[in-house]
Amino acid sequence: MSELPAGTAVDAAALPLAHAPLPASDVVSGAPTAATIALGEVRGVEVGVWEMTPGTACDTEADEVFVVLSGRARIAFLDPALPTIEVGPGSLVRLAEGMRTEWTVTETLRKIYVA
């Protein structure tokens, strides 16, 4: 699926995703994989589904808001230094461009993002 056609619906929790290993330079522990599917754009803003399997990895964030559909993770904010958060189904999170984070996924995490 390259884009969700207007006037249609899908089960975001059941969309098949093609996983790939994360870059070795980002992996802190385990062997996490990730997958993304962009569902489309709304006024130039991308909306999609992202998923990561258990493990720990670092990332430099995009400017985004996301809602967790399933799974659990701990997100540590390395730069800027902010309190670590725990996320699970229903969590709504705002990230800013350039933040450095460390994601520890304990249960495969799937989110809908707007970025």
N, C-alpha and C. Protein backbone atom coordinates (compact mmCIF):
# COMPACT_ATOMS: atom_id res chain seq x y z
N MET A 1 0.86 -1.17 0.00
CA MET A 1 0.00 0.00 0.00
C MET A 1 0.90 1.23 0.00
N SER A 2 0.77 2.09 -0.98
CA SER A 2 1.58 3.30 -1.02
C SER A 2 0.84 4.49 -0.45
N GLU A 3 -0.47 4.50 -0.55
CA GLU A 3 -1.26 5.57 0.04
C GLU A 3 -2.66 5.05 0.27
N LEU A 4 -3.24 5.48 1.38
CA LEU A 4 -4.61 5.09 1.70
C LEU A 4 -5.55 5.97 0.91
N PRO A 5 -6.33 5.41 -0.01
CA PRO A 5 -7.24 6.23 -0.81
C PRO A 5 -8.29 6.90 0.06
N ALA A 6 -8.66 8.11 -0.29
CA ALA A 6 -9.69 8.85 0.44
C ALA A 6 -10.99 8.05 0.45
N GLY A 7 -11.68 8.08 1.56
CA GLY A 7 -12.96 7.39 1.67
C GLY A 7 -12.84 5.91 1.96
N THR A 8 -11.63 5.44 2.34
CA THR A 8 -11.45 4.02 2.66
C THR A 8 -10.97 3.88 4.10
N ALA A 9 -11.04 2.67 4.61
CA ALA A 9 -10.59 2.39 5.97
C ALA A 9 -9.75 1.12 5.98
N VAL A 10 -8.77 1.09 6.87
CA VAL A 10 -7.96 -0.11 7.09
C VAL A 10 -7.79 -0.30 8.58
N ASP A 11 -7.46 -1.50 8.98
CA ASP A 11 -7.16 -1.79 10.38
C ASP A 11 -5.66 -1.54 10.57
N ALA A 12 -5.32 -0.39 11.13
CA ALA A 12 -3.91 -0.01 11.28
C ALA A 12 -3.14 -1.01 12.13
N ALA A 13 -3.82 -1.66 13.06
CA ALA A 13 -3.15 -2.63 13.92
C ALA A 13 -2.82 -3.92 13.18
N ALA A 14 -3.48 -4.17 12.05
CA ALA A 14 -3.29 -5.42 11.31
C ALA A 14 -2.57 -5.24 9.97
N LEU A 15 -2.20 -4.01 9.62
CA LEU A 15 -1.51 -3.79 8.35
C LEU A 15 -0.22 -4.61 8.30
N PRO A 16 0.02 -5.36 7.23
CA PRO A 16 1.29 -6.08 7.12
C PRO A 16 2.43 -5.10 6.87
N LEU A 17 3.53 -5.29 7.58
CA LEU A 17 4.69 -4.41 7.43
C LEU A 17 5.92 -5.24 7.12
N ALA A 18 6.79 -4.72 6.27
CA ALA A 18 8.03 -5.41 5.90
C ALA A 18 9.16 -4.88 6.77
N HIS A 19 9.60 -5.72 7.71
CA HIS A 19 10.64 -5.33 8.66
C HIS A 19 12.04 -5.46 8.07
N ALA A 20 12.94 -4.62 8.56
CA ALA A 20 14.35 -4.69 8.21
C ALA A 20 15.15 -4.41 9.48
N PRO A 21 16.34 -4.97 9.59
CA PRO A 21 17.17 -4.69 10.76
C PRO A 21 17.49 -3.20 10.84
N LEU A 22 17.61 -2.69 12.06
CA LEU A 22 18.04 -1.31 12.24
C LEU A 22 19.53 -1.23 11.96
N PRO A 23 20.03 -0.05 11.57
CA PRO A 23 21.48 0.09 11.36
C PRO A 23 22.24 -0.31 12.63
N ALA A 24 23.30 -1.09 12.48
CA ALA A 24 24.07 -1.57 13.63
C ALA A 24 24.55 -0.41 14.49
N SER A 25 24.83 0.73 13.89
CA SER A 25 25.32 1.89 14.65
C SER A 25 24.25 2.46 15.59
N ASP A 26 22.98 2.14 15.35
CA ASP A 26 21.88 2.63 16.19
C ASP A 26 21.49 1.65 17.29
N VAL A 27 21.85 0.38 17.12
CA VAL A 27 21.42 -0.66 18.06
C VAL A 27 22.29 -0.65 19.31
N VAL A 28 21.62 -0.58 20.46
CA VAL A 28 22.29 -0.61 21.76
C VAL A 28 22.31 -2.04 22.30
N SER A 29 21.17 -2.74 22.16
CA SER A 29 21.11 -4.13 22.61
C SER A 29 20.01 -4.87 21.84
N GLY A 30 20.17 -6.19 21.76
CA GLY A 30 19.22 -7.02 21.05
C GLY A 30 19.43 -6.93 19.55
N ALA A 31 18.42 -7.34 18.80
CA ALA A 31 18.46 -7.30 17.34
C ALA A 31 17.13 -6.76 16.82
N PRO A 32 16.79 -5.51 17.21
CA PRO A 32 15.49 -4.97 16.80
C PRO A 32 15.40 -4.74 15.30
N THR A 33 14.19 -4.90 14.79
CA THR A 33 13.89 -4.57 13.41
C THR A 33 12.80 -3.50 13.43
N ALA A 34 12.65 -2.81 12.31
CA ALA A 34 11.62 -1.77 12.23
C ALA A 34 11.00 -1.79 10.84
N ALA A 35 9.80 -1.23 10.78
CA ALA A 35 9.08 -1.14 9.51
C ALA A 35 8.23 0.12 9.54
N THR A 36 8.06 0.70 8.37
CA THR A 36 7.24 1.91 8.23
C THR A 36 6.40 1.79 6.97
N ILE A 37 5.18 2.29 7.05
CA ILE A 37 4.36 2.43 5.85
C ILE A 37 3.70 3.80 5.92
N ALA A 38 3.96 4.60 4.90
CA ALA A 38 3.33 5.91 4.81
C ALA A 38 1.94 5.72 4.21
N LEU A 39 0.93 6.23 4.90
CA LEU A 39 -0.44 6.08 4.42
C LEU A 39 -0.87 7.21 3.51
N GLY A 40 -0.14 8.33 3.59
CA GLY A 40 -0.47 9.46 2.73
C GLY A 40 -0.03 10.76 3.37
N GLU A 41 -0.35 11.84 2.68
CA GLU A 41 -0.02 13.17 3.17
C GLU A 41 -1.30 13.99 3.29
N VAL A 42 -1.32 14.82 4.32
CA VAL A 42 -2.41 15.77 4.52
C VAL A 42 -1.76 17.14 4.58
N ARG A 43 -1.98 17.95 3.54
CA ARG A 43 -1.38 19.29 3.46
C ARG A 43 0.13 19.27 3.69
N GLY A 44 0.80 18.28 3.08
CA GLY A 44 2.25 18.19 3.15
C GLY A 44 2.79 17.50 4.39
N VAL A 45 1.92 17.00 5.25
CA VAL A 45 2.34 16.31 6.47
C VAL A 45 2.09 14.82 6.29
N GLU A 46 3.13 14.01 6.52
CA GLU A 46 3.02 12.56 6.32
C GLU A 46 2.32 11.90 7.50
N VAL A 47 1.44 10.94 7.18
CA VAL A 47 0.76 10.12 8.17
C VAL A 47 1.09 8.67 7.84
N GLY A 48 1.47 7.90 8.85
CA GLY A 48 1.83 6.52 8.58
C GLY A 48 1.83 5.65 9.82
N VAL A 49 2.27 4.41 9.63
CA VAL A 49 2.38 3.43 10.71
C VAL A 49 3.83 3.01 10.80
N TRP A 50 4.34 2.94 12.02
CA TRP A 50 5.73 2.53 12.29
C TRP A 50 5.71 1.46 13.36
N GLU A 51 6.64 0.51 13.25
CA GLU A 51 6.69 -0.59 14.22
C GLU A 51 8.14 -0.96 14.49
N MET A 52 8.42 -1.33 15.75
CA MET A 52 9.76 -1.79 16.13
C MET A 52 9.61 -3.01 17.03
N THR A 53 10.45 -4.02 16.80
CA THR A 53 10.44 -5.24 17.62
C THR A 53 11.32 -5.01 18.85
N PRO A 54 11.24 -5.91 19.85
CA PRO A 54 12.00 -5.71 21.08
C PRO A 54 13.50 -5.54 20.87
N GLY A 55 14.04 -4.68 21.70
CA GLY A 55 15.45 -4.34 21.68
C GLY A 55 15.60 -2.88 22.04
N THR A 56 16.84 -2.40 22.04
CA THR A 56 17.12 -1.01 22.37
C THR A 56 17.91 -0.38 21.24
N ALA A 57 17.47 0.82 20.83
CA ALA A 57 18.15 1.53 19.74
C ALA A 57 18.05 3.03 19.96
N CYS A 58 19.03 3.75 19.45
CA CYS A 58 19.05 5.21 19.50
C CYS A 58 18.51 5.76 18.20
N ASP A 59 17.99 6.99 18.26
CA ASP A 59 17.43 7.63 17.08
C ASP A 59 17.55 9.13 17.20
N THR A 60 17.60 9.79 16.05
CA THR A 60 17.47 11.24 15.99
C THR A 60 16.09 11.49 15.42
N GLU A 61 15.26 12.17 16.18
CA GLU A 61 13.85 12.28 15.86
C GLU A 61 13.52 13.33 14.80
N ALA A 62 12.40 13.07 14.14
CA ALA A 62 11.75 14.05 13.25
C ALA A 62 10.73 14.79 14.10
N ASP A 63 10.22 15.87 13.59
CA ASP A 63 9.15 16.60 14.25
C ASP A 63 7.88 15.78 14.04
N GLU A 64 7.33 15.19 15.10
CA GLU A 64 6.17 14.32 14.93
C GLU A 64 5.32 14.23 16.19
N VAL A 65 4.10 13.78 15.97
CA VAL A 65 3.18 13.39 17.04
C VAL A 65 2.79 11.96 16.71
N PHE A 66 2.73 11.10 17.74
CA PHE A 66 2.30 9.72 17.48
C PHE A 66 1.40 9.21 18.59
N VAL A 67 0.61 8.19 18.21
CA VAL A 67 -0.26 7.48 19.14
C VAL A 67 0.13 6.01 19.07
N VAL A 68 0.37 5.41 20.23
CA VAL A 68 0.73 3.99 20.27
C VAL A 68 -0.54 3.14 20.12
N LEU A 69 -0.49 2.23 19.15
CA LEU A 69 -1.60 1.29 18.93
C LEU A 69 -1.44 0.04 19.79
N SER A 70 -0.21 -0.47 19.84
CA SER A 70 0.04 -1.71 20.59
C SER A 70 1.51 -1.76 20.99
N GLY A 71 1.78 -2.57 22.01
CA GLY A 71 3.14 -2.74 22.47
C GLY A 71 3.52 -1.81 23.61
N ARG A 72 4.77 -1.95 24.04
CA ARG A 72 5.27 -1.15 25.17
C ARG A 72 6.73 -0.80 24.94
N ALA A 73 7.08 0.40 25.40
CA ALA A 73 8.47 0.86 25.28
C ALA A 73 8.77 1.93 26.33
N ARG A 74 10.05 2.11 26.57
CA ARG A 74 10.55 3.20 27.39
C ARG A 74 11.37 4.08 26.46
N ILE A 75 11.11 5.38 26.50
CA ILE A 75 11.86 6.32 25.65
C ILE A 75 12.66 7.23 26.56
N ALA A 76 13.99 7.13 26.45
CA ALA A 76 14.89 7.99 27.20
C ALA A 76 15.30 9.14 26.29
N PHE A 77 15.25 10.34 26.84
CA PHE A 77 15.63 11.53 26.07
C PHE A 77 17.07 11.88 26.41
N LEU A 78 17.96 11.66 25.44
CA LEU A 78 19.39 11.88 25.65
C LEU A 78 19.77 13.34 25.42
N ASP A 79 19.18 13.96 24.41
CA ASP A 79 19.48 15.36 24.08
C ASP A 79 18.26 15.97 23.39
N PRO A 80 17.56 16.88 24.02
CA PRO A 80 17.86 17.42 25.34
C PRO A 80 17.51 16.40 26.42
N ALA A 81 18.16 16.53 27.57
CA ALA A 81 17.91 15.63 28.69
C ALA A 81 16.54 15.95 29.29
N LEU A 82 15.62 15.00 29.16
CA LEU A 82 14.27 15.12 29.69
C LEU A 82 13.95 13.83 30.44
N PRO A 83 12.93 13.82 31.29
CA PRO A 83 12.57 12.58 31.98
C PRO A 83 12.19 11.47 30.99
N THR A 84 12.59 10.26 31.32
CA THR A 84 12.23 9.08 30.53
C THR A 84 10.73 8.85 30.65
N ILE A 85 10.11 8.41 29.54
CA ILE A 85 8.68 8.12 29.55
C ILE A 85 8.44 6.65 29.21
N GLU A 86 7.35 6.13 29.73
CA GLU A 86 6.87 4.78 29.40
C GLU A 86 5.66 4.96 28.50
N VAL A 87 5.62 4.22 27.39
CA VAL A 87 4.48 4.32 26.48
C VAL A 87 3.86 2.95 26.24
N GLY A 88 2.55 2.98 25.99
CA GLY A 88 1.79 1.77 25.70
C GLY A 88 0.55 2.17 24.93
N PRO A 89 -0.34 1.23 24.68
CA PRO A 89 -1.54 1.52 23.90
C PRO A 89 -2.27 2.77 24.40
N GLY A 90 -2.52 3.69 23.48
CA GLY A 90 -3.21 4.93 23.79
C GLY A 90 -2.30 6.09 24.12
N SER A 91 -1.01 5.85 24.35
CA SER A 91 -0.10 6.95 24.65
C SER A 91 0.01 7.90 23.47
N LEU A 92 -0.03 9.18 23.76
CA LEU A 92 0.12 10.24 22.76
C LEU A 92 1.40 10.99 23.09
N VAL A 93 2.32 11.07 22.13
CA VAL A 93 3.64 11.65 22.37
C VAL A 93 3.98 12.66 21.30
N ARG A 94 4.65 13.73 21.71
CA ARG A 94 5.14 14.77 20.78
C ARG A 94 6.66 14.75 20.83
N LEU A 95 7.30 14.61 19.66
CA LEU A 95 8.75 14.66 19.53
C LEU A 95 9.12 15.86 18.67
N ALA A 96 10.30 16.41 18.92
CA ALA A 96 10.77 17.56 18.15
C ALA A 96 11.97 17.17 17.30
N GLU A 97 12.05 17.79 16.15
CA GLU A 97 13.16 17.58 15.21
C GLU A 97 14.50 17.69 15.93
N GLY A 98 15.35 16.68 15.72
CA GLY A 98 16.71 16.72 16.26
C GLY A 98 16.89 16.11 17.63
N MET A 99 15.79 15.80 18.33
CA MET A 99 15.95 15.16 19.65
C MET A 99 16.71 13.85 19.47
N ARG A 100 17.60 13.54 20.41
CA ARG A 100 18.27 12.23 20.43
C ARG A 100 17.59 11.39 21.50
N THR A 101 17.11 10.23 21.10
CA THR A 101 16.37 9.36 22.00
C THR A 101 16.96 7.96 22.01
N GLU A 102 16.61 7.21 23.07
CA GLU A 102 16.94 5.80 23.14
C GLU A 102 15.65 5.06 23.45
N TRP A 103 15.25 4.20 22.52
CA TRP A 103 14.00 3.44 22.63
C TRP A 103 14.32 2.03 23.13
N THR A 104 13.72 1.64 24.25
CA THR A 104 13.81 0.27 24.73
C THR A 104 12.42 -0.34 24.58
N VAL A 105 12.27 -1.15 23.55
CA VAL A 105 10.98 -1.77 23.25
C VAL A 105 10.95 -3.13 23.94
N THR A 106 9.96 -3.32 24.81
CA THR A 106 9.83 -4.59 25.54
C THR A 106 8.77 -5.49 24.94
N GLU A 107 7.87 -4.91 24.17
CA GLU A 107 6.79 -5.63 23.49
C GLU A 107 6.60 -4.91 22.16
N THR A 108 6.68 -5.61 21.04
CA THR A 108 6.65 -4.98 19.72
C THR A 108 5.70 -3.78 19.72
N LEU A 109 6.26 -2.64 19.37
CA LEU A 109 5.54 -1.35 19.44
C LEU A 109 5.09 -0.93 18.07
N ARG A 110 3.80 -0.61 17.95
CA ARG A 110 3.24 -0.10 16.70
C ARG A 110 2.58 1.23 16.99
N LYS A 111 2.89 2.23 16.17
CA LYS A 111 2.32 3.56 16.38
C LYS A 111 1.84 4.14 15.06
N ILE A 112 0.88 5.05 15.17
CA ILE A 112 0.48 5.88 14.04
C ILE A 112 1.16 7.22 14.25
N TYR A 113 1.88 7.68 13.23
CA TYR A 113 2.60 8.95 13.36
C TYR A 113 2.08 9.99 12.38
N VAL A 114 2.26 11.23 12.77
CA VAL A 114 1.98 12.39 11.93
C VAL A 114 3.26 13.21 11.97
N ALA A 115 3.94 13.32 10.83
CA ALA A 115 5.25 13.99 10.82
C ALA A 115 5.44 14.83 9.56
